[in-house]
Amino acid sequence: MPAIIIVDALWGDSGKGKTCAHLARKHDAALAVRAGVGTNAGASVTLDDGTLVKARQFPTGWINSGTRVAVGSGVLVDPAIAAAEIERFGIGDRALIDGRCAVITQAHIDAELADPNLADKIGSTCTGNGHARADFILRRAQQARDIPSLAPYITDVAREVNAVAASGQMVIVEGSQGTMLSLALSGEYPFTTSDNCTTAAAMDDVGLNWRLATDVVMVVKAMPTRVGEGPLPFEMTHAEAVSRGIAEYGVNTGRPRRKAEKLDFEMLAYATMLNGPTQIALTFADHYEPSMRGSRSSSSITSRVASLIRDVEAATGAPVTLLDTGPGLSDIIDLLPAGVAA
């Protein structure tokens, strides 16, 4: 089981960070690698002691003490955010950054904040990622190897991820955002991010040889959400989400997440076609069925959630192996069939 890819089926904010942390702990993963655009997407995990962890640069696999964490060469790096996370999480001895990562500068951030197309029309997080990627494509961006403060962490992450996976040790690749935000694959352009957010894109971001990927865990949020502009099928009002106690807010911006009443199974089938999942992590089951909040046993699965599991499996052709039931890292039910390793 050399490499597991974690990818989001829809618009992000689905619990990929929690899924990464859970799998890192479960398998004592040797390495977790961050894929995706950059620091425009955040992950949050509530530890068992109640501590809320928020990350934007490194994958959450560091929560397992034996897991090294890395940033793939296709991911943009904000040196200030990277340094802050290394210090806050105490991972200086196990953090790696590919020297070829392009760097986000304050000028990139300022340019996005002043761009009405991004700030107003698109609803971008305006964290400098789009402008930094444009400079990278135009071959005028700085790279991580050019930043002195990052020198202790610079390496060839592609070489590292392939060496670890080829040795038979567990590698987890944590994607970011969601399939339906993909720049060149979403039908919702221009309401997208600045790159693709699929299985293949995640592998490309970290330089993983496709022969070493053994599983794709596609994360499916029981009640999808979206931050920013663009379509959201079956959207409920924010007032209704608040009244039902299921309102959510962005990790980076604190903006309310727009929330859907239910899944769009046609979109889920399309995401399946693009990503090829071998397993499904069904998340936020407690929002869909509040009585399941904090459940950790398969015996507690209600008939309504069981029906949803069957519908998701029918749409994706993959088994639901993880069921997320609450904010805590251990609020999860492992449904992996006996004899299956990943």
C-alpha atoms as a PDB file:
ATOM      1  CA  MET A   1       0.000   0.000   0.000  1.00  0.00           C
ATOM      2  CA  PRO A   2       2.591   2.612  -1.020  1.00  0.00           C
ATOM      3  CA  ALA A   3       0.432   5.705  -1.779  1.00  0.00           C
ATOM      4  CA  ILE A   4      -3.085   6.905  -1.022  1.00  0.00           C
ATOM      5  CA  ILE A   5      -4.453   9.990  -2.779  1.00  0.00           C
ATOM      6  CA  ILE A   6      -7.118  12.040  -0.975  1.00  0.00           C
ATOM      7  CA  VAL A   7      -9.317  14.122  -3.273  1.00  0.00           C
ATOM      8  CA  ASP A   8     -12.533  16.111  -2.828  1.00  0.00           C
ATOM      9  CA  ALA A   9     -15.513  15.234  -5.035  1.00  0.00           C
ATOM     10  CA  LEU A  10     -17.203  18.645  -5.185  1.00  0.00           C
ATOM     11  CA  TRP A  11     -16.334  22.168  -3.922  1.00  0.00           C
ATOM     12  CA  GLY A  12     -13.998  21.525  -1.018  1.00  0.00           C
ATOM     13  CA  ASP A  13     -14.299  21.994   2.753  1.00  0.00           C
ATOM     14  CA  SER A  14     -15.255  18.354   3.033  1.00  0.00           C
ATOM     15  CA  GLY A  15     -12.836  17.055   5.665  1.00  0.00           C
ATOM     16  CA  LYS A  16      -9.780  16.069   3.626  1.00  0.00           C
ATOM     17  CA  GLY A  17      -7.535  17.275   6.433  1.00  0.00           C
ATOM     18  CA  LYS A  18      -9.287  15.086   8.984  1.00  0.00           C
ATOM     19  CA  THR A  19      -9.172  12.156   6.569  1.00  0.00           C
ATOM     20  CA  CYS A  20      -5.426  12.658   6.099  1.00  0.00           C
ATOM     21  CA  ALA A  21      -4.819  12.851   9.860  1.00  0.00           C
ATOM     22  CA  HIS A  22      -6.928   9.752  10.490  1.00  0.00           C
ATOM     23  CA  LEU A  23      -5.132   7.695   7.849  1.00  0.00           C
ATOM     24  CA  ALA A  24      -1.720   8.914   9.019  1.00  0.00           C
ATOM     25  CA  ARG A  25      -2.499   7.749  12.543  1.00  0.00           C
ATOM     26  CA  LYS A  26      -4.130   4.505  11.451  1.00  0.00           C
ATOM     27  CA  HIS A  27      -1.223   3.421   9.235  1.00  0.00           C
ATOM     28  CA  ASP A  28       1.619   5.301  10.961  1.00  0.00           C
ATOM     29  CA  ALA A  29       2.337   6.825   7.563  1.00  0.00           C
ATOM     30  CA  ALA A  30       5.944   7.580   6.757  1.00  0.00           C
ATOM     31  CA  LEU A  31       5.163  10.686   4.705  1.00  0.00           C
ATOM     32  CA  ALA A  32       2.222  13.001   3.995  1.00  0.00           C
ATOM     33  CA  VAL A  33       2.523  15.374   1.053  1.00  0.00           C
ATOM     34  CA  ARG A  34       0.440  18.456   0.305  1.00  0.00           C
ATOM     35  CA  ALA A  35      -0.897  18.832  -3.226  1.00  0.00           C
ATOM     36  CA  GLY A  36      -3.184  21.558  -4.599  1.00  0.00           C
ATOM     37  CA  VAL A  37      -2.881  25.198  -5.556  1.00  0.00           C
ATOM     38  CA  GLY A  38      -1.391  26.646  -2.380  1.00  0.00           C
ATOM     39  CA  THR A  39      -2.431  28.546   0.735  1.00  0.00           C
ATOM     40  CA  ASN A  40      -5.820  29.585  -0.647  1.00  0.00           C
ATOM     41  CA  ALA A  41      -7.341  26.461   0.931  1.00  0.00           C
ATOM     42  CA  GLY A  42      -7.327  25.602   4.615  1.00  0.00           C
ATOM     43  CA  ALA A  43      -7.842  22.428   6.607  1.00  0.00           C
ATOM     44  CA  SER A  44      -9.080  22.171  10.174  1.00  0.00           C
ATOM     45  CA  VAL A  45      -8.974  19.256  12.599  1.00  0.00           C
ATOM     46  CA  THR A  46     -10.214  19.126  16.190  1.00  0.00           C
ATOM     47  CA  LEU A  47      -7.874  16.955  18.229  1.00  0.00           C
ATOM     48  CA  ASP A  48      -9.104  14.573  20.896  1.00  0.00           C
ATOM     49  CA  ASP A  49      -8.205  17.081  23.636  1.00  0.00           C
ATOM     50  CA  GLY A  50     -10.423  19.717  21.987  1.00  0.00           C
ATOM     51  CA  THR A  51      -7.615  21.684  20.348  1.00  0.00           C
ATOM     52  CA  LEU A  52      -8.635  23.132  16.987  1.00  0.00           C
ATOM     53  CA  VAL A  53      -5.831  22.900  14.442  1.00  0.00           C
ATOM     54  CA  LYS A  54      -5.951  25.068  11.308  1.00  0.00           C
ATOM     55  CA  ALA A  55      -3.466  24.615   8.478  1.00  0.00           C
ATOM     56  CA  ARG A  56      -2.951  26.155   5.054  1.00  0.00           C
ATOM     57  CA  GLN A  57       0.519  25.093   3.918  1.00  0.00           C
ATOM     58  CA  PHE A  58       1.367  21.652   5.274  1.00  0.00           C
ATOM     59  CA  PRO A  59      -0.750  18.489   5.255  1.00  0.00           C
ATOM     60  CA  THR A  60      -2.347  17.463   8.560  1.00  0.00           C
ATOM     61  CA  GLY A  61      -0.494  14.145   8.615  1.00  0.00           C
ATOM     62  CA  TRP A  62       1.964  15.694  11.122  1.00  0.00           C
ATOM     63  CA  ILE A  63      -0.663  14.962  13.797  1.00  0.00           C
ATOM     64  CA  ASN A  64       0.825  11.461  13.778  1.00  0.00           C
ATOM     65  CA  SER A  65       4.203  11.892  15.464  1.00  0.00           C
ATOM     66  CA  GLY A  66       5.953   9.452  13.143  1.00  0.00           C
ATOM     67  CA  THR A  67       4.852  11.128   9.910  1.00  0.00           C
ATOM     68  CA  ARG A  68       7.032  13.575   8.022  1.00  0.00           C
ATOM     69  CA  VAL A  69       5.192  16.252   6.057  1.00  0.00           C
ATOM     70  CA  ALA A  70       6.058  17.841   2.734  1.00  0.00           C
ATOM     71  CA  VAL A  71       4.877  20.394   0.179  1.00  0.00           C
ATOM     72  CA  GLY A  72       4.976  19.182  -3.426  1.00  0.00           C
ATOM     73  CA  SER A  73       6.665  21.187  -6.172  1.00  0.00           C
ATOM     74  CA  GLY A  74       3.363  22.109  -7.826  1.00  0.00           C
ATOM     75  CA  VAL A  75       2.098  23.859  -4.693  1.00  0.00           C
ATOM     76  CA  LEU A  76       2.577  27.582  -4.079  1.00  0.00           C
ATOM     77  CA  VAL A  77       4.397  28.505  -0.865  1.00  0.00           C
ATOM     78  CA  ASP A  78       3.815  31.563   1.294  1.00  0.00           C
ATOM     79  CA  PRO A  79       7.045  31.730   3.349  1.00  0.00           C
ATOM     80  CA  ALA A  80       5.400  33.507   6.279  1.00  0.00           C
ATOM     81  CA  ILE A  81       2.580  30.954   6.537  1.00  0.00           C
ATOM     82  CA  ALA A  82       5.004  28.046   6.147  1.00  0.00           C
ATOM     83  CA  ALA A  83       7.261  29.363   8.896  1.00  0.00           C
ATOM     84  CA  ALA A  84       4.326  30.016  11.212  1.00  0.00           C
ATOM     85  CA  GLU A  85       2.982  26.478  10.794  1.00  0.00           C
ATOM     86  CA  ILE A  86       6.403  24.898  11.315  1.00  0.00           C
ATOM     87  CA  GLU A  87       6.738  26.785  14.596  1.00  0.00           C
ATOM     88  CA  ARG A  88       3.127  26.376  15.743  1.00  0.00           C
ATOM     89  CA  PHE A  89       3.013  22.643  15.077  1.00  0.00           C
ATOM     90  CA  GLY A  90       6.590  21.972  16.202  1.00  0.00           C
ATOM     91  CA  ILE A  91       7.506  20.136  12.992  1.00  0.00           C
ATOM     92  CA  GLY A  92      10.853  21.731  12.162  1.00  0.00           C
ATOM     93  CA  ASP A  93      12.584  18.340  12.256  1.00  0.00           C
ATOM     94  CA  ARG A  94      10.141  16.666   9.843  1.00  0.00           C
ATOM     95  CA  ALA A  95       8.974  19.395   7.431  1.00  0.00           C
ATOM     96  CA  LEU A  96      10.049  19.345   3.786  1.00  0.00           C
ATOM     97  CA  ILE A  97       9.443  21.874   0.992  1.00  0.00           C
ATOM     98  CA  ASP A  98      10.293  21.264  -2.621  1.00  0.00           C
ATOM     99  CA  GLY A  99      12.769  23.900  -3.761  1.00  0.00           C
ATOM    100  CA  ARG A 100      10.886  24.287  -7.046  1.00  0.00           C
ATOM    101  CA  CYS A 101       7.670  25.564  -5.413  1.00  0.00           C
ATOM    102  CA  ALA A 102       6.767  29.047  -6.607  1.00  0.00           C
ATOM    103  CA  VAL A 103       6.530  31.689  -3.892  1.00  0.00           C
ATOM    104  CA  ILE A 104       3.620  33.946  -2.983  1.00  0.00           C
ATOM    105  CA  THR A 105       4.692  37.500  -2.144  1.00  0.00           C
ATOM    106  CA  GLN A 106       2.858  40.399  -0.540  1.00  0.00           C
ATOM    107  CA  ALA A 107       2.678  42.001  -3.979  1.00  0.00           C
ATOM    108  CA  HIS A 108       0.643  39.032  -5.212  1.00  0.00           C
ATOM    109  CA  ILE A 109      -1.759  39.360  -2.290  1.00  0.00           C
ATOM    110  CA  ASP A 110      -2.118  43.116  -2.759  1.00  0.00           C
ATOM    111  CA  ALA A 111      -2.790  42.681  -6.477  1.00  0.00           C
ATOM    112  CA  GLU A 112      -5.630  40.236  -5.798  1.00  0.00           C
ATOM    113  CA  LEU A 113      -7.206  42.413  -3.116  1.00  0.00           C
ATOM    114  CA  ALA A 114      -7.249  45.264  -5.659  1.00  0.00           C
ATOM    115  CA  ASP A 115      -8.694  43.082  -8.436  1.00  0.00           C
ATOM    116  CA  PRO A 116     -12.505  43.510  -8.559  1.00  0.00           C
ATOM    117  CA  ASN A 117     -12.892  40.478 -10.823  1.00  0.00           C
ATOM    118  CA  LEU A 118     -11.332  38.207  -8.207  1.00  0.00           C
ATOM    119  CA  ALA A 119     -12.486  39.966  -5.049  1.00  0.00           C
ATOM    120  CA  ASP A 120     -16.065  40.748  -6.063  1.00  0.00           C
ATOM    121  CA  LYS A 121     -17.189  38.697  -9.059  1.00  0.00           C
ATOM    122  CA  ILE A 122     -15.391  35.410  -8.332  1.00  0.00           C
ATOM    123  CA  GLY A 123     -15.360  35.652  -4.543  1.00  0.00           C
ATOM    124  CA  SER A 124     -11.697  34.617  -4.367  1.00  0.00           C
ATOM    125  CA  THR A 125      -9.907  34.302  -1.025  1.00  0.00           C
ATOM    126  CA  CYS A 126      -7.425  36.867  -2.420  1.00  0.00           C
ATOM    127  CA  THR A 127      -4.463  35.132  -0.830  1.00  0.00           C
ATOM    128  CA  GLY A 128      -2.136  35.788  -3.770  1.00  0.00           C
ATOM    129  CA  ASN A 129      -2.337  32.327  -5.269  1.00  0.00           C
ATOM    130  CA  GLY A 130      -3.733  33.234  -8.687  1.00  0.00           C
ATOM    131  CA  HIS A 131      -1.273  36.048  -9.307  1.00  0.00           C
ATOM    132  CA  ALA A 132       1.638  33.953  -8.017  1.00  0.00           C
ATOM    133  CA  ARG A 133       0.679  31.104 -10.337  1.00  0.00           C
ATOM    134  CA  ALA A 134       0.470  33.542 -13.246  1.00  0.00           C
ATOM    135  CA  ASP A 135       4.006  34.742 -12.496  1.00  0.00           C
ATOM    136  CA  PHE A 136       5.168  31.124 -12.254  1.00  0.00           C
ATOM    137  CA  ILE A 137       3.709  30.363 -15.680  1.00  0.00           C
ATOM    138  CA  LEU A 138       5.363  33.502 -17.060  1.00  0.00           C
ATOM    139  CA  ARG A 139       8.650  32.265 -15.540  1.00  0.00           C
ATOM    140  CA  ARG A 140       9.272  35.292 -13.381  1.00  0.00           C
ATOM    141  CA  ALA A 141       8.285  33.999  -9.914  1.00  0.00           C
ATOM    142  CA  GLN A 142      10.682  33.315  -7.094  1.00  0.00           C
ATOM    143  CA  GLN A 143      11.014  29.718  -5.995  1.00  0.00           C
ATOM    144  CA  ALA A 144      11.260  28.318  -2.494  1.00  0.00           C
ATOM    145  CA  ARG A 145      14.976  27.615  -3.002  1.00  0.00           C
ATOM    146  CA  ASP A 146      15.480  31.379  -3.425  1.00  0.00           C
ATOM    147  CA  ILE A 147      14.176  32.174   0.081  1.00  0.00           C
ATOM    148  CA  PRO A 148      16.886  31.961   2.791  1.00  0.00           C
ATOM    149  CA  SER A 149      14.439  31.339   5.639  1.00  0.00           C
ATOM    150  CA  LEU A 150      13.202  28.173   3.914  1.00  0.00           C
ATOM    151  CA  ALA A 151      16.676  26.731   3.336  1.00  0.00           C
ATOM    152  CA  PRO A 152      16.561  24.183   6.217  1.00  0.00           C
ATOM    153  CA  TYR A 153      13.515  22.497   4.691  1.00  0.00           C
ATOM    154  CA  ILE A 154      14.370  22.509   0.992  1.00  0.00           C
ATOM    155  CA  THR A 155      14.637  19.183  -0.807  1.00  0.00           C
ATOM    156  CA  ASP A 156      13.481  17.340  -3.923  1.00  0.00           C
ATOM    157  CA  VAL A 157      10.060  16.219  -2.683  1.00  0.00           C
ATOM    158  CA  ALA A 158       9.293  14.273  -5.872  1.00  0.00           C
ATOM    159  CA  ARG A 159      12.383  12.152  -5.320  1.00  0.00           C
ATOM    160  CA  GLU A 160      11.463  11.686  -1.669  1.00  0.00           C
ATOM    161  CA  VAL A 161       7.828  10.707  -2.241  1.00  0.00           C
ATOM    162  CA  ASN A 162       8.731   8.147  -4.890  1.00  0.00           C
ATOM    163  CA  ALA A 163      11.569   6.662  -2.833  1.00  0.00           C
ATOM    164  CA  VAL A 164       9.373   6.258   0.248  1.00  0.00           C
ATOM    165  CA  ALA A 165       6.466   4.747  -1.697  1.00  0.00           C
ATOM    166  CA  ALA A 166       8.759   2.416  -3.672  1.00  0.00           C
ATOM    167  CA  SER A 167      10.164   1.096  -0.397  1.00  0.00           C
ATOM    168  CA  GLY A 168       6.676  -0.047   0.592  1.00  0.00           C
ATOM    169  CA  GLN A 169       6.120   2.583   3.260  1.00  0.00           C
ATOM    170  CA  MET A 170       2.849   4.505   3.422  1.00  0.00           C
ATOM    171  CA  VAL A 171       2.621   7.845   1.612  1.00  0.00           C
ATOM    172  CA  ILE A 172      -0.507  10.007   1.812  1.00  0.00           C
ATOM    173  CA  VAL A 173      -1.088  12.730  -0.761  1.00  0.00           C
ATOM    174  CA  GLU A 174      -3.548  15.326   0.543  1.00  0.00           C
ATOM    175  CA  GLY A 175      -5.283  17.246  -2.227  1.00  0.00           C
ATOM    176  CA  SER A 176      -6.997  20.577  -1.680  1.00  0.00           C
ATOM    177  CA  GLN A 177     -10.224  22.340  -2.663  1.00  0.00           C
ATOM    178  CA  GLY A 178     -12.548  20.232  -4.843  1.00  0.00           C
ATOM    179  CA  THR A 179     -13.016  18.639  -8.234  1.00  0.00           C
ATOM    180  CA  MET A 180     -15.776  21.031  -9.277  1.00  0.00           C
ATOM    181  CA  LEU A 181     -13.447  23.975  -8.693  1.00  0.00           C
ATOM    182  CA  SER A 182     -10.939  22.655 -11.243  1.00  0.00           C
ATOM    183  CA  LEU A 183      -9.756  25.335 -13.643  1.00  0.00           C
ATOM    184  CA  ALA A 184      -9.869  23.236 -16.816  1.00  0.00           C
ATOM    185  CA  LEU A 185     -12.431  20.559 -15.881  1.00  0.00           C
ATOM    186  CA  SER A 186     -15.228  22.394 -14.113  1.00  0.00           C
ATOM    187  CA  GLY A 187     -18.178  23.575 -16.156  1.00  0.00           C
ATOM    188  CA  GLU A 188     -18.456  26.569 -13.830  1.00  0.00           C
ATOM    189  CA  TYR A 189     -15.565  28.704 -15.116  1.00  0.00           C
ATOM    190  CA  PRO A 190     -14.741  31.453 -14.199  1.00  0.00           C
ATOM    191  CA  PHE A 191     -15.968  30.427 -10.734  1.00  0.00           C
ATOM    192  CA  THR A 192     -13.032  28.095 -10.249  1.00  0.00           C
ATOM    193  CA  THR A 193      -9.620  28.020  -8.644  1.00  0.00           C
ATOM    194  CA  SER A 194      -6.353  28.450 -10.583  1.00  0.00           C
ATOM    195  CA  ASP A 195      -5.546  24.796 -11.248  1.00  0.00           C
ATOM    196  CA  ASN A 196      -7.188  21.375 -11.409  1.00  0.00           C
ATOM    197  CA  CYS A 197      -8.144  19.557  -8.191  1.00  0.00           C
ATOM    198  CA  THR A 198      -8.383  15.925  -9.261  1.00  0.00           C
ATOM    199  CA  THR A 199      -6.506  12.712  -8.498  1.00  0.00           C
ATOM    200  CA  ALA A 200      -4.241  13.154 -11.519  1.00  0.00           C
ATOM    201  CA  ALA A 201      -3.558  16.790 -10.613  1.00  0.00           C
ATOM    202  CA  ALA A 202      -2.614  15.849  -7.042  1.00  0.00           C
ATOM    203  CA  MET A 203      -0.183  13.204  -8.246  1.00  0.00           C
ATOM    204  CA  ASP A 204       1.323  15.708 -10.671  1.00  0.00           C
ATOM    205  CA  ASP A 205       1.666  18.331  -7.926  1.00  0.00           C
ATOM    206  CA  VAL A 206       3.893  16.041  -5.857  1.00  0.00           C
ATOM    207  CA  GLY A 207       5.603  14.196  -8.735  1.00  0.00           C
ATOM    208  CA  LEU A 208       4.266  10.762  -7.772  1.00  0.00           C
ATOM    209  CA  ASN A 209       4.818   7.939 -10.266  1.00  0.00           C
ATOM    210  CA  TRP A 210       1.344   6.603 -11.125  1.00  0.00           C
ATOM    211  CA  ARG A 211       2.478   3.015 -10.628  1.00  0.00           C
ATOM    212  CA  LEU A 212       2.947   3.701  -6.917  1.00  0.00           C
ATOM    213  CA  ALA A 213      -0.616   4.912  -6.279  1.00  0.00           C
ATOM    214  CA  THR A 214      -2.709   2.128  -4.788  1.00  0.00           C
ATOM    215  CA  ASP A 215      -5.839   3.885  -3.530  1.00  0.00           C
ATOM    216  CA  VAL A 216      -7.862   7.021  -4.163  1.00  0.00           C
ATOM    217  CA  VAL A 217     -10.025   8.109  -1.245  1.00  0.00           C
ATOM    218  CA  MET A 218     -12.612  10.521  -2.600  1.00  0.00           C
ATOM    219  CA  VAL A 219     -14.162  12.638   0.131  1.00  0.00           C
ATOM    220  CA  VAL A 220     -17.893  13.229  -0.296  1.00  0.00           C
ATOM    221  CA  LYS A 221     -19.631  15.743   1.941  1.00  0.00           C
ATOM    222  CA  ALA A 222     -23.147  14.617   2.864  1.00  0.00           C
ATOM    223  CA  MET A 223     -24.409  18.208   2.590  1.00  0.00           C
ATOM    224  CA  PRO A 224     -22.003  19.975   0.209  1.00  0.00           C
ATOM    225  CA  THR A 225     -20.820  23.530   0.775  1.00  0.00           C
ATOM    226  CA  ARG A 226     -19.268  26.238  -1.321  1.00  0.00           C
ATOM    227  CA  VAL A 227     -17.393  29.452  -0.476  1.00  0.00           C
ATOM    228  CA  GLY A 228     -17.538  32.313  -2.975  1.00  0.00           C
ATOM    229  CA  GLU A 229     -19.661  32.685  -6.054  1.00  0.00           C
ATOM    230  CA  GLY A 230     -20.871  30.071  -8.548  1.00  0.00           C
ATOM    231  CA  PRO A 231     -23.738  27.561  -8.670  1.00  0.00           C
ATOM    232  CA  LEU A 232     -24.619  25.286  -5.751  1.00  0.00           C
ATOM    233  CA  PRO A 233     -27.458  22.829  -6.434  1.00  0.00           C
ATOM    234  CA  PHE A 234     -30.081  22.438  -3.685  1.00  0.00           C
ATOM    235  CA  GLU A 235     -28.712  25.463  -1.782  1.00  0.00           C
ATOM    236  CA  MET A 236     -30.408  26.389   1.506  1.00  0.00           C
ATOM    237  CA  THR A 237     -30.330  29.842   3.059  1.00  0.00           C
ATOM    238  CA  HIS A 238     -27.685  30.702   5.613  1.00  0.00           C
ATOM    239  CA  ALA A 239     -30.472  31.501   8.065  1.00  0.00           C
ATOM    240  CA  GLU A 240     -31.793  27.965   7.725  1.00  0.00           C
ATOM    241  CA  ALA A 241     -28.326  26.491   8.268  1.00  0.00           C
ATOM    242  CA  VAL A 242     -27.947  28.597  11.409  1.00  0.00           C
ATOM    243  CA  SER A 243     -31.377  27.598  12.705  1.00  0.00           C
ATOM    244  CA  ARG A 244     -30.517  23.919  12.224  1.00  0.00           C
ATOM    245  CA  GLY A 245     -27.149  24.304  13.945  1.00  0.00           C
ATOM    246  CA  ILE A 246     -25.176  23.256  10.855  1.00  0.00           C
ATOM    247  CA  ALA A 247     -23.780  26.579   9.662  1.00  0.00           C
ATOM    248  CA  GLU A 248     -20.130  26.533   8.616  1.00  0.00           C
ATOM    249  CA  TYR A 249     -17.470  29.195   8.112  1.00  0.00           C
ATOM    250  CA  GLY A 250     -14.302  29.265   5.998  1.00  0.00           C
ATOM    251  CA  VAL A 251     -10.978  28.356   7.610  1.00  0.00           C
ATOM    252  CA  ASN A 252      -9.092  31.167   5.831  1.00  0.00           C
ATOM    253  CA  THR A 253     -11.642  33.963   5.591  1.00  0.00           C
ATOM    254  CA  GLY A 254     -14.297  33.212   8.196  1.00  0.00           C
ATOM    255  CA  ARG A 255     -16.949  33.753   5.510  1.00  0.00           C
ATOM    256  CA  PRO A 256     -20.144  31.710   5.834  1.00  0.00           C
ATOM    257  CA  ARG A 257     -20.080  28.609   3.672  1.00  0.00           C
ATOM    258  CA  ARG A 258     -23.069  28.289   1.388  1.00  0.00           C
ATOM    259  CA  LYS A 259     -24.712  24.982   2.176  1.00  0.00           C
ATOM    260  CA  ALA A 260     -26.746  22.474   0.153  1.00  0.00           C
ATOM    261  CA  GLU A 261     -29.673  20.443   1.426  1.00  0.00           C
ATOM    262  CA  LYS A 262     -28.464  17.281  -0.340  1.00  0.00           C
ATOM    263  CA  LEU A 263     -26.040  15.816  -2.855  1.00  0.00           C
ATOM    264  CA  ASP A 264     -26.326  16.195  -6.600  1.00  0.00           C
ATOM    265  CA  PHE A 265     -25.727  12.605  -7.703  1.00  0.00           C
ATOM    266  CA  GLU A 266     -25.152  13.483 -11.357  1.00  0.00           C
ATOM    267  CA  MET A 267     -22.266  15.732 -10.314  1.00  0.00           C
ATOM    268  CA  LEU A 268     -20.986  13.024  -7.994  1.00  0.00           C
ATOM    269  CA  ALA A 269     -20.974  10.538 -10.867  1.00  0.00           C
ATOM    270  CA  TYR A 270     -19.005  13.028 -13.001  1.00  0.00           C
ATOM    271  CA  ALA A 271     -16.466  13.526 -10.204  1.00  0.00           C
ATOM    272  CA  THR A 272     -16.143   9.746  -9.990  1.00  0.00           C
ATOM    273  CA  MET A 273     -15.365   9.547 -13.700  1.00  0.00           C
ATOM    274  CA  LEU A 274     -12.595  12.131 -13.314  1.00  0.00           C
ATOM    275  CA  ASN A 275     -11.037  10.791 -10.108  1.00  0.00           C
ATOM    276  CA  GLY A 276     -11.451   6.999 -10.174  1.00  0.00           C
ATOM    277  CA  PRO A 277     -11.973   6.494  -6.432  1.00  0.00           C
ATOM    278  CA  THR A 278     -11.346   3.113  -4.847  1.00  0.00           C
ATOM    279  CA  GLN A 279     -12.853   4.250  -1.537  1.00  0.00           C
ATOM    280  CA  ILE A 280     -15.227   6.940  -0.317  1.00  0.00           C
ATOM    281  CA  ALA A 281     -14.987   8.968   2.895  1.00  0.00           C
ATOM    282  CA  LEU A 282     -18.517  10.211   3.591  1.00  0.00           C
ATOM    283  CA  THR A 283     -18.242  13.258   5.826  1.00  0.00           C
ATOM    284  CA  PHE A 284     -20.450  15.518   7.933  1.00  0.00           C
ATOM    285  CA  ALA A 285     -22.958  12.708   8.495  1.00  0.00           C
ATOM    286  CA  ASP A 286     -23.919  14.461  11.730  1.00  0.00           C
ATOM    287  CA  HIS A 287     -25.154  17.478   9.743  1.00  0.00           C
ATOM    288  CA  TYR A 288     -27.270  15.163   7.609  1.00  0.00           C
ATOM    289  CA  GLU A 289     -28.438  13.166  10.644  1.00  0.00           C
ATOM    290  CA  PRO A 290     -27.835  15.082  13.913  1.00  0.00           C
ATOM    291  CA  SER A 291     -28.514  12.012  16.067  1.00  0.00           C
ATOM    292  CA  MET A 292     -25.262  10.497  14.793  1.00  0.00           C
ATOM    293  CA  ARG A 293     -23.052  13.294  16.113  1.00  0.00           C
ATOM    294  CA  GLY A 294     -19.978  11.793  17.753  1.00  0.00           C
ATOM    295  CA  SER A 295     -20.894   8.189  16.918  1.00  0.00           C
ATOM    296  CA  ARG A 296     -17.927   5.826  16.619  1.00  0.00           C
ATOM    297  CA  SER A 297     -19.568   2.458  16.057  1.00  0.00           C
ATOM    298  CA  SER A 298     -21.179   1.045  12.932  1.00  0.00           C
ATOM    299  CA  SER A 299     -24.043  -0.175  15.106  1.00  0.00           C
ATOM    300  CA  SER A 300     -25.127   3.465  15.537  1.00  0.00           C
ATOM    301  CA  ILE A 301     -25.665   4.103  11.814  1.00  0.00           C
ATOM    302  CA  THR A 302     -29.275   5.133  11.316  1.00  0.00           C
ATOM    303  CA  SER A 303     -31.467   3.891   8.488  1.00  0.00           C
ATOM    304  CA  ARG A 304     -31.365   7.341   6.870  1.00  0.00           C
ATOM    305  CA  VAL A 305     -27.557   7.407   6.811  1.00  0.00           C
ATOM    306  CA  ALA A 306     -27.424   3.772   5.691  1.00  0.00           C
ATOM    307  CA  SER A 307     -29.639   4.716   2.761  1.00  0.00           C
ATOM    308  CA  LEU A 308     -27.335   7.632   1.907  1.00  0.00           C
ATOM    309  CA  ILE A 309     -24.335   5.299   2.010  1.00  0.00           C
ATOM    310  CA  ARG A 310     -26.026   2.966  -0.458  1.00  0.00           C
ATOM    311  CA  ASP A 311     -26.867   5.879  -2.780  1.00  0.00           C
ATOM    312  CA  VAL A 312     -23.297   7.206  -2.680  1.00  0.00           C
ATOM    313  CA  GLU A 313     -21.865   3.761  -3.353  1.00  0.00           C
ATOM    314  CA  ALA A 314     -24.246   3.308  -6.288  1.00  0.00           C
ATOM    315  CA  ALA A 315     -23.231   6.669  -7.790  1.00  0.00           C
ATOM    316  CA  THR A 316     -19.482   6.151  -7.329  1.00  0.00           C
ATOM    317  CA  GLY A 317     -19.055   2.401  -7.680  1.00  0.00           C
ATOM    318  CA  ALA A 318     -16.766   2.519  -4.646  1.00  0.00           C
ATOM    319  CA  PRO A 319     -17.343   1.452  -1.030  1.00  0.00           C
ATOM    320  CA  VAL A 320     -17.842   3.972   1.750  1.00  0.00           C
ATOM    321  CA  THR A 321     -14.987   3.030   4.047  1.00  0.00           C
ATOM    322  CA  LEU A 322     -14.935   6.054   6.380  1.00  0.00           C
ATOM    323  CA  LEU A 323     -17.962   7.758   7.922  1.00  0.00           C
ATOM    324  CA  ASP A 324     -17.308  11.107   9.616  1.00  0.00           C
ATOM    325  CA  THR A 325     -19.739  11.857  12.446  1.00  0.00           C
ATOM    326  CA  GLY A 326     -18.499  14.984  14.178  1.00  0.00           C
ATOM    327  CA  PRO A 327     -15.759  17.588  14.517  1.00  0.00           C
ATOM    328  CA  GLY A 328     -13.401  15.497  16.635  1.00  0.00           C
ATOM    329  CA  LEU A 329     -10.561  13.533  15.033  1.00  0.00           C
ATOM    330  CA  SER A 330     -11.887  10.326  16.589  1.00  0.00           C
ATOM    331  CA  ASP A 331     -15.505  11.051  15.604  1.00  0.00           C
ATOM    332  CA  ILE A 332     -15.259   8.618  12.733  1.00  0.00           C
ATOM    333  CA  ILE A 333     -16.481   5.129  11.907  1.00  0.00           C
ATOM    334  CA  ASP A 334     -14.095   2.915   9.947  1.00  0.00           C
ATOM    335  CA  LEU A 335     -16.150   0.741   7.612  1.00  0.00           C
ATOM    336  CA  LEU A 336     -13.257  -0.759   5.684  1.00  0.00           C
ATOM    337  CA  PRO A 337     -14.054  -4.360   4.724  1.00  0.00           C
ATOM    338  CA  ALA A 338     -12.072  -7.048   6.474  1.00  0.00           C
ATOM    339  CA  GLY A 339      -8.825  -7.880   4.707  1.00  0.00           C
ATOM    340  CA  VAL A 340      -8.522  -4.545   2.916  1.00  0.00           C
ATOM    341  CA  ALA A 341      -5.406  -2.695   3.988  1.00  0.00           C
ATOM    342  CA  ALA A 342      -5.847   0.935   2.945  1.00  0.00           C
END
